[in-house]
Every structure is written in structure tokens, then in C-alpha cells.
């Protein structure tokens, strides 16, 4: 009976998130296109050789047409709005009808920090997106400057790390396969910050139709199962709710894309993911589960270093999914192969968690 109750507690919020996403997307889509909520400019790395930029631009022009720039970039609003509404409804039911089925999954010891990170990430990302859309002055049209965005995310990572260390007593990570624990002491805080920044850097995966949502949806579904395996049911419900909202997003965003997640979507997903990773004590396992994000982020870092310091390009374009476009892969092929690779990595990750 208890197992059935847990399944119901998971299914109802997850399905609700999907339904809310499906029913509200037409309204959001109307607003996105009515007010032309797409970016007017792109961020440019001014420290790169102009000739290299020109070459990259020529390659990009071959694989993208100008009409593709007129795709709204704040579709992540659909995701975090759905998650927030489900969380609010569950909390209100818990507050005013305590005798009803407990559908509240925002708990202080498991998901409160993750949910707060989702909201903070959504707000920071939305400000960045809106500046890029409506900013008139040159310094505003590129959104929040990169150094400021990095500083904001790093500060959030430090604050969260300190909360984990001081309030929750986290100071170590577990090594899979019964290899013991690695005690970090106060160095747990900078590790948390570095992980948060690493996930923030993976936001560049939001560059093809359905790519980011499919990969992140798989990762959150994986952590939903990990939450169940570890009896962290609030975490499980939170992750499945996010996955349900992402499925609704994908319903309307399977190629060709009608909108992208944008910074507001990516930040509202990657920032709480860092929290979930440490709450489930699966940092090492995430190297497997999140491998598509890690590879994508590394490809961009490698390209930047190669261009700045060696005046060379390792990839035709970076990040990696644009390199595949440049060598002739079609967008659906790239997206589907990323999804398949993500599912394989997640399956292996779950197995490692179970065995470990």
C-alpha cells in the first residue's frame, strides 16, 4: 500500500506539470511571437582573432538561415512556470486540506534549496534574455555581461555550498563501488561552487531544436529514479515534475523549434541540478549521467583556448553540436543521437548508483 501511495504521489504532480505545460504553451507562444521575443544580437568573444571570427561566421551562415534567428528564446518560462504552479498547488493543498493526499514536495531538508535555485536561475536568466531582446544601448543588447553572470552564479554556488556545509553537515563525497568517502572539510564549499559553474557553462547546449530539453529531461528523469532508490521521495517528485514540464516543452519543440529554452530556461534547470547532485551524493556518478553536458561544455572551452592562445580551431564550430552541423549532419540526426547517448549514460549512471 505504501508503494502504491508513493507512485500516486509521484504520478499526480508529474502528469499535472505536463498538462499545465501543454495547456499554457499556446498562450505563451502567442505572446512570444506577438512581442517578437527573440534575440537581436549575439555575444561575441572580442579577444579572438577577427579572421577566426569571420571564418566561424561564414560556416555558421552556411548551416543557418536568417529566419532561424526569429525564434523566441525565452521558452524556458513554460518549464519553470509549470513546475512552480504544481509546487504551489501541492503546498496549498497540504496547507488547507491536510487530510488530503500529500502532494507537497517542497520540503526544507530535501527540495527547498533546489526549488529556490530554480526560481533564482529563472529570474536571472529572464533578465538576461529580456536585455538581449529589448536592450537599446550596445552594452545592454548583449544581456548581462559574462563576468557579472559568472560572478552571480559563483556567489550562488558559494552560498549554497556554505548552507550544505554549515546547516546540513555535508563535507564529503562518496566514491562508487564501495571505494569509501572523500572527506573535503571546508573545501566542500569551493567544490560546490565549481560544480555550479560547470553546469552553468553547459548552458550552451541550448542551440538546436529540442536538444537541451531532451538531454536535461533525461537527466532529471534519472535523478527522479535515483531519488526513489535512495528513499528521497521529495527529490524524486521534484525531478519528475521538472521532467514532466520538459516533456510538455518538447511536445511543441520537436524540430523545427517554435522556441528555445533561453537563459531563463537553462539557468532554472542547471542551478537546481547542482543542488540535486549533492543532495543525492552522486557527484562522481554525474560524470557519467551528465556526460553529454560535460562534453558539450568542454568542446567550447577547448575551442576558446585553441583560438585565443594558438590561433587555431579544433572544431569547425563550437560547441560540439554545431561542429556536427558543419560537417553535414542534419539537425534531427544530431538531436536524436544526443538523446540516445544521454539515455545510455543515464542508464549506466543508475546502475552505478544501485551497485555502489
Protein backbone atom coordinates (compact mmCIF):
# COMPACT_ATOMS: atom_id res chain seq x y z
CA UNK A 1 0.00 0.00 0.00
CA UNK A 2 2.84 2.36 0.84
CA UNK A 3 4.47 1.70 -2.54
CA UNK A 4 1.19 2.47 -4.32
CA UNK A 5 0.87 5.72 -2.35
CA UNK A 6 4.39 6.78 -3.34
CA UNK A 7 3.67 6.04 -7.00
CA UNK A 8 0.49 8.13 -6.83
CA UNK A 9 2.36 10.99 -5.12
CA UNK A 10 4.86 10.94 -7.97
CA UNK A 11 2.44 10.48 -10.85
CA UNK A 12 -0.10 13.19 -9.98
CA UNK A 13 2.40 16.13 -9.82
CA UNK A 14 4.33 14.83 -12.84
CA UNK A 15 1.26 14.48 -15.03
CA UNK A 16 -0.03 17.82 -13.72
CA UNK A 17 3.19 19.55 -14.79
CA UNK A 18 2.85 18.04 -18.26
CA UNK A 19 -0.82 19.05 -18.57
CA UNK A 20 -0.17 22.61 -17.33
CA UNK A 21 2.71 22.92 -19.80
CA UNK A 22 0.60 21.62 -22.68
CA UNK A 23 -2.37 23.87 -21.93
CA UNK A 24 -0.42 27.07 -21.29
CA UNK A 25 2.06 26.78 -24.17
CA UNK A 26 -0.36 28.11 -26.87
CA UNK A 27 -0.83 31.27 -24.78
CA UNK A 28 2.90 31.68 -24.20
CA UNK A 29 3.62 31.02 -27.88
CA UNK A 30 1.16 33.77 -28.87
CA UNK A 31 2.92 36.20 -26.51
CA UNK A 32 6.40 35.16 -27.72
CA UNK A 33 5.58 35.87 -31.35
CA UNK A 34 3.33 38.87 -30.80
CA UNK A 35 6.07 40.76 -28.98
CA UNK A 36 8.90 39.24 -31.09
CA UNK A 37 10.77 37.82 -28.12
CA UNK A 38 13.87 36.71 -29.97
CA UNK A 39 17.44 37.93 -29.55
CA UNK A 40 18.55 40.91 -31.61
CA UNK A 41 22.27 40.18 -31.31
CA UNK A 42 24.77 37.53 -30.23
CA UNK A 43 27.54 37.59 -27.67
CA UNK A 44 30.98 37.90 -29.30
CA UNK A 45 34.32 37.00 -27.81
CA UNK A 46 36.28 40.15 -28.61
CA UNK A 47 39.61 38.57 -27.65
CA UNK A 48 39.52 36.24 -30.63
CA UNK A 49 41.37 36.92 -33.86
CA UNK A 50 38.93 38.76 -36.24
CA UNK A 51 39.87 36.42 -39.08
CA UNK A 52 38.88 33.45 -36.94
CA UNK A 53 35.56 35.10 -36.15
CA UNK A 54 34.98 35.74 -39.84
CA UNK A 55 35.69 32.10 -40.72
CA UNK A 56 33.34 30.87 -37.99
CA UNK A 57 30.69 33.32 -39.17
CA UNK A 58 30.94 32.06 -42.74
CA UNK A 59 30.48 28.46 -41.57
CA UNK A 60 27.52 29.48 -39.41
CA UNK A 61 25.86 31.25 -42.34
CA UNK A 62 26.06 28.08 -44.41
CA UNK A 63 24.21 25.97 -41.86
CA UNK A 64 21.74 28.58 -40.59
CA UNK A 65 19.39 30.92 -42.38
CA UNK A 66 18.34 34.35 -41.14
CA UNK A 67 14.78 33.26 -40.44
CA UNK A 68 16.05 30.95 -37.71
CA UNK A 69 17.03 33.98 -35.66
CA UNK A 70 13.33 34.84 -35.41
CA UNK A 71 12.65 32.01 -32.97
CA UNK A 72 11.71 33.12 -29.43
CA UNK A 73 14.46 32.48 -26.89
CA UNK A 74 12.56 32.50 -23.58
CA UNK A 75 10.63 29.24 -23.91
CA UNK A 76 12.01 28.15 -20.55
CA UNK A 77 9.26 30.28 -18.99
CA UNK A 78 6.90 27.43 -19.86
CA UNK A 79 9.01 24.94 -17.89
CA UNK A 80 9.57 26.85 -14.68
CA UNK A 81 6.02 28.24 -14.67
CA UNK A 82 4.63 24.68 -14.85
CA UNK A 83 6.92 23.46 -12.07
CA UNK A 84 6.10 26.47 -9.88
CA UNK A 85 2.34 26.09 -10.34
CA UNK A 86 2.44 22.40 -9.46
CA UNK A 87 4.58 23.17 -6.40
CA UNK A 88 2.20 25.96 -5.33
CA UNK A 89 -0.90 23.79 -5.76
CA UNK A 90 0.69 20.95 -3.78
CA UNK A 91 1.69 23.30 -0.98
CA UNK A 92 -1.76 24.95 -0.78
CA UNK A 93 -3.47 21.56 -0.64
CA UNK A 94 -1.09 20.49 2.13
CA UNK A 95 -1.73 23.76 4.00
CA UNK A 96 -5.50 23.98 3.77
CA UNK A 97 -6.58 20.36 3.26
CA UNK A 98 -4.08 18.40 5.41
CA UNK A 99 -6.26 15.31 5.40
CA UNK A 100 -5.97 15.03 1.60
CA UNK A 101 -3.23 13.15 -0.23
CA UNK A 102 0.10 14.86 0.48
CA UNK A 103 1.26 16.30 -2.85
CA UNK A 104 3.65 18.85 -1.36
CA UNK A 105 7.19 18.08 -2.49
CA UNK A 106 8.91 21.32 -1.42
CA UNK A 107 10.45 20.23 1.85
CA UNK A 108 13.11 22.03 3.89
CA UNK A 109 15.50 19.09 4.17
CA UNK A 110 15.34 17.98 0.52
CA UNK A 111 13.99 20.31 -2.14
CA UNK A 112 13.59 23.83 -0.75
CA UNK A 113 17.10 24.90 -1.85
CA UNK A 114 16.66 23.25 -5.24
CA UNK A 115 13.33 24.99 -5.82
CA UNK A 116 14.77 28.34 -4.66
CA UNK A 117 17.66 27.84 -7.11
CA UNK A 118 15.16 27.19 -9.88
CA UNK A 119 13.40 30.49 -9.17
CA UNK A 120 16.63 32.49 -8.81
CA UNK A 121 18.01 30.99 -12.02
CA UNK A 122 14.75 31.74 -13.82
CA UNK A 123 14.81 35.39 -12.76
CA UNK A 124 18.49 35.98 -13.61
CA UNK A 125 18.07 34.23 -16.95
CA UNK A 126 14.86 36.13 -17.78
CA UNK A 127 16.56 39.47 -17.11
CA UNK A 128 19.44 38.42 -19.36
CA UNK A 129 17.07 37.30 -22.13
CA UNK A 130 14.95 40.45 -21.96
CA UNK A 131 18.02 42.67 -22.10
CA UNK A 132 19.14 40.90 -25.27
CA UNK A 133 15.67 41.30 -26.76
CA UNK A 134 14.80 44.87 -25.77
CA UNK A 135 18.14 46.43 -24.84
CA UNK A 136 18.70 49.61 -26.84
CA UNK A 137 22.22 50.54 -25.87
CA UNK A 138 25.11 48.43 -27.09
CA UNK A 139 26.11 47.35 -23.58
CA UNK A 140 22.55 46.21 -22.81
CA UNK A 141 21.84 44.47 -26.11
CA UNK A 142 24.25 41.66 -25.23
CA UNK A 143 22.44 40.98 -21.97
CA UNK A 144 24.08 40.69 -18.58
CA UNK A 145 27.86 40.85 -19.16
CA UNK A 146 29.55 37.46 -18.93
CA UNK A 147 31.73 38.41 -15.94
CA UNK A 148 28.68 39.54 -13.98
CA UNK A 149 26.76 36.37 -14.85
CA UNK A 150 29.70 34.24 -13.75
CA UNK A 151 30.01 36.25 -10.53
CA UNK A 152 26.30 35.82 -9.78
CA UNK A 153 26.38 32.06 -10.37
CA UNK A 154 29.63 31.66 -8.40
CA UNK A 155 28.16 33.63 -5.49
CA UNK A 156 25.07 31.47 -5.53
CA UNK A 157 27.25 28.36 -5.57
CA UNK A 158 29.25 29.59 -2.56
CA UNK A 159 26.10 30.42 -0.60
CA UNK A 160 24.58 27.03 -1.36
CA UNK A 161 27.83 25.26 -0.55
CA UNK A 162 28.04 27.05 2.80
CA UNK A 163 24.45 26.09 3.56
CA UNK A 164 25.22 22.45 2.79
CA UNK A 165 28.40 22.57 4.89
CA UNK A 166 27.16 24.58 7.86
CA UNK A 167 23.47 23.67 8.10
CA UNK A 168 23.21 20.23 6.54
CA UNK A 169 26.59 18.88 7.60
CA UNK A 170 27.83 17.93 4.11
CA UNK A 171 31.63 17.81 3.87
CA UNK A 172 32.43 14.78 1.73
CA UNK A 173 31.59 12.96 -1.48
CA UNK A 174 31.09 9.23 -1.85
CA UNK A 175 33.17 7.21 -4.29
CA UNK A 176 31.14 4.46 -6.08
CA UNK A 177 31.79 0.71 -5.85
CA UNK A 178 32.37 0.91 -2.08
CA UNK A 179 35.65 2.76 -2.52
CA UNK A 180 34.85 4.87 0.53
CA UNK A 181 34.33 8.59 1.00
CA UNK A 182 36.49 11.59 0.25
CA UNK A 183 36.42 13.97 3.21
CA UNK A 184 36.79 17.55 1.99
CA UNK A 185 36.08 19.61 5.06
CA UNK A 186 35.73 23.30 4.22
CA UNK A 187 36.87 22.59 0.65
CA UNK A 188 33.40 21.17 0.06
CA UNK A 189 32.22 24.78 -0.47
CA UNK A 190 34.53 25.61 -3.42
CA UNK A 191 33.75 22.19 -4.92
CA UNK A 192 30.05 23.07 -4.82
CA UNK A 193 30.80 26.41 -6.48
CA UNK A 194 32.92 24.80 -9.22
CA UNK A 195 30.18 22.25 -9.92
CA UNK A 196 27.58 25.01 -10.17
CA UNK A 197 29.79 27.00 -12.57
CA UNK A 198 30.43 23.86 -14.61
CA UNK A 199 26.72 23.24 -15.04
CA UNK A 200 26.21 26.92 -15.86
CA UNK A 201 28.80 26.62 -18.65
CA UNK A 202 26.83 23.71 -20.12
CA UNK A 203 24.01 26.14 -20.99
CA UNK A 204 25.50 26.33 -24.48
CA UNK A 205 23.77 23.02 -25.24
CA UNK A 206 20.61 25.05 -25.92
CA UNK A 207 21.46 25.54 -29.58
CA UNK A 208 19.41 23.04 -31.60
CA UNK A 209 15.74 22.15 -31.82
CA UNK A 210 14.83 20.06 -28.77
CA UNK A 211 18.44 19.23 -27.92
CA UNK A 212 18.76 20.79 -24.46
CA UNK A 213 15.27 19.87 -23.31
CA UNK A 214 15.71 16.23 -24.35
CA UNK A 215 19.08 15.84 -22.62
CA UNK A 216 18.05 17.68 -19.46
CA UNK A 217 14.72 15.85 -19.37
CA UNK A 218 16.59 12.54 -19.42
CA UNK A 219 18.94 13.70 -16.65
CA UNK A 220 16.11 14.89 -14.38
CA UNK A 221 14.19 11.66 -15.01
CA UNK A 222 17.33 9.76 -13.99
CA UNK A 223 17.56 11.72 -10.76
CA UNK A 224 13.89 11.04 -10.17
CA UNK A 225 14.69 7.33 -10.18
CA UNK A 226 17.77 7.90 -8.02
CA UNK A 227 15.58 9.75 -5.51
CA UNK A 228 13.29 6.73 -5.33
CA UNK A 229 16.23 4.33 -4.99
CA UNK A 230 17.62 6.40 -2.11
CA UNK A 231 14.20 6.93 -0.47
CA UNK A 232 14.44 10.69 -1.07
CA UNK A 233 10.89 10.95 -2.33
CA UNK A 234 10.58 14.74 -2.33
CA UNK A 235 13.65 14.92 -4.57
CA UNK A 236 12.18 12.20 -6.77
CA UNK A 237 8.90 14.09 -7.18
CA UNK A 238 10.67 17.40 -7.85
CA UNK A 239 12.83 15.83 -10.58
CA UNK A 240 9.91 14.02 -12.21
CA UNK A 241 7.86 17.24 -12.17
CA UNK A 242 10.69 19.06 -13.96
CA UNK A 243 10.88 16.18 -16.45
CA UNK A 244 7.10 16.39 -17.00
CA UNK A 245 7.33 20.11 -17.72
CA UNK A 246 10.21 19.48 -20.13
CA UNK A 247 8.15 16.86 -21.97
CA UNK A 248 5.42 19.46 -22.48
CA UNK A 249 8.08 21.84 -23.80
CA UNK A 250 9.33 19.16 -26.18
CA UNK A 251 5.80 18.43 -27.40
CA UNK A 252 5.82 21.83 -29.11
CA UNK A 253 9.54 21.99 -29.75
CA UNK A 254 10.41 18.83 -31.65
CA UNK A 255 12.14 20.02 -34.88
CA UNK A 256 11.51 22.54 -36.22
CA UNK A 257 11.71 24.52 -32.98
CA UNK A 258 8.99 27.01 -32.13
CA UNK A 259 11.08 28.45 -29.30
CA UNK A 260 14.25 27.74 -27.33
CA UNK A 261 14.75 27.43 -23.58
CA UNK A 262 16.85 30.59 -23.44
CA UNK A 263 18.91 31.64 -20.43
CA UNK A 264 15.81 31.70 -18.24
CA UNK A 265 15.18 28.05 -19.03
CA UNK A 266 18.74 26.79 -18.88
CA UNK A 267 19.63 28.59 -15.64
CA UNK A 268 16.40 27.49 -13.97
CA UNK A 269 17.38 23.89 -14.75
CA UNK A 270 21.16 23.74 -14.31
CA UNK A 271 21.31 25.62 -10.98
CA UNK A 272 18.91 23.30 -9.12
CA UNK A 273 20.57 20.31 -10.79
CA UNK A 274 23.78 21.16 -8.89
CA UNK A 275 21.80 21.05 -5.65
CA UNK A 276 20.20 17.71 -6.55
CA UNK A 277 23.60 16.20 -7.36
CA UNK A 278 24.92 16.98 -3.87
CA UNK A 279 21.68 16.11 -2.07
CA UNK A 280 21.83 12.66 -3.62
CA UNK A 281 25.62 12.49 -3.11
CA UNK A 282 26.20 11.46 -6.74
CA UNK A 283 28.84 13.89 -7.94
CA UNK A 284 31.06 11.11 -9.28
CA UNK A 285 28.12 9.32 -10.90
CA UNK A 286 27.09 12.58 -12.57
CA UNK A 287 30.27 12.43 -14.64
CA UNK A 288 28.50 9.53 -16.40
CA UNK A 289 24.90 10.74 -16.19
CA UNK A 290 25.73 14.27 -17.34
CA UNK A 291 28.38 13.29 -19.89
CA UNK A 292 26.52 14.95 -22.82
CA UNK A 293 26.56 18.26 -20.90
CA UNK A 294 30.20 17.84 -19.90
CA UNK A 295 31.39 17.02 -23.42
CA UNK A 296 29.47 19.95 -24.88
CA UNK A 297 30.91 22.36 -22.34
CA UNK A 298 34.46 21.02 -22.79
CA UNK A 299 34.24 21.35 -26.58
CA UNK A 300 33.57 25.06 -26.21
CA UNK A 301 36.36 25.53 -23.66
CA UNK A 302 38.83 23.68 -25.90
CA UNK A 303 37.84 25.83 -28.88
CA UNK A 304 38.23 29.07 -26.93
CA UNK A 305 41.68 28.11 -25.61
CA UNK A 306 42.83 26.97 -29.06
CA UNK A 307 41.67 30.19 -30.73
CA UNK A 308 42.99 32.61 -28.12
CA UNK A 309 46.38 31.08 -27.46
CA UNK A 310 47.18 29.07 -30.59
CA UNK A 311 45.10 30.89 -33.24
CA UNK A 312 43.67 27.54 -34.35
CA UNK A 313 40.31 25.81 -34.38
CA UNK A 314 39.92 22.27 -33.06
CA UNK A 315 36.31 22.12 -34.28
CA UNK A 316 34.74 23.73 -37.33
CA UNK A 317 32.32 25.33 -34.91
CA UNK A 318 31.83 25.08 -31.17
CA UNK A 319 30.07 23.79 -29.17
CA UNK A 320 30.11 20.23 -30.42
CA UNK A 321 26.58 20.06 -31.86
CA UNK A 322 27.40 22.95 -34.22
CA UNK A 323 30.55 21.11 -35.31
CA UNK A 324 28.36 18.17 -36.32
CA UNK A 325 26.15 20.57 -38.27
CA UNK A 326 29.21 22.00 -40.02
CA UNK A 327 30.37 18.56 -41.19
CA UNK A 328 26.97 17.81 -42.69
CA UNK A 329 24.86 16.11 -40.03
CA UNK A 330 21.20 17.10 -40.11
CA UNK A 331 19.66 18.69 -37.04
CA UNK A 332 17.23 15.83 -36.29
CA UNK A 333 20.11 13.34 -36.52
CA UNK A 334 22.24 15.36 -34.08
CA UNK A 335 19.38 15.83 -31.63
CA UNK A 336 18.28 12.20 -31.70
CA UNK A 337 21.83 10.91 -31.29
CA UNK A 338 22.35 13.23 -28.34
CA UNK A 339 19.14 11.87 -26.82
CA UNK A 340 20.22 8.27 -27.37
CA UNK A 341 23.66 8.97 -25.91
CA UNK A 342 22.06 10.70 -22.92
CA UNK A 343 19.74 7.74 -22.27
CA UNK A 344 22.69 5.32 -22.40
CA UNK A 345 24.73 7.47 -19.99
CA UNK A 346 21.77 7.78 -17.62
CA UNK A 347 21.11 4.04 -17.64
CA UNK A 348 24.74 3.33 -16.82
CA UNK A 349 24.64 6.00 -14.11
CA UNK A 350 21.59 4.42 -12.45
CA UNK A 351 23.30 1.03 -12.49
CA UNK A 352 26.40 2.53 -10.85
CA UNK A 353 24.21 4.15 -8.16
CA UNK A 354 22.46 0.83 -7.46
CA UNK A 355 25.68 -1.18 -7.35
CA UNK A 356 27.60 1.47 -5.43
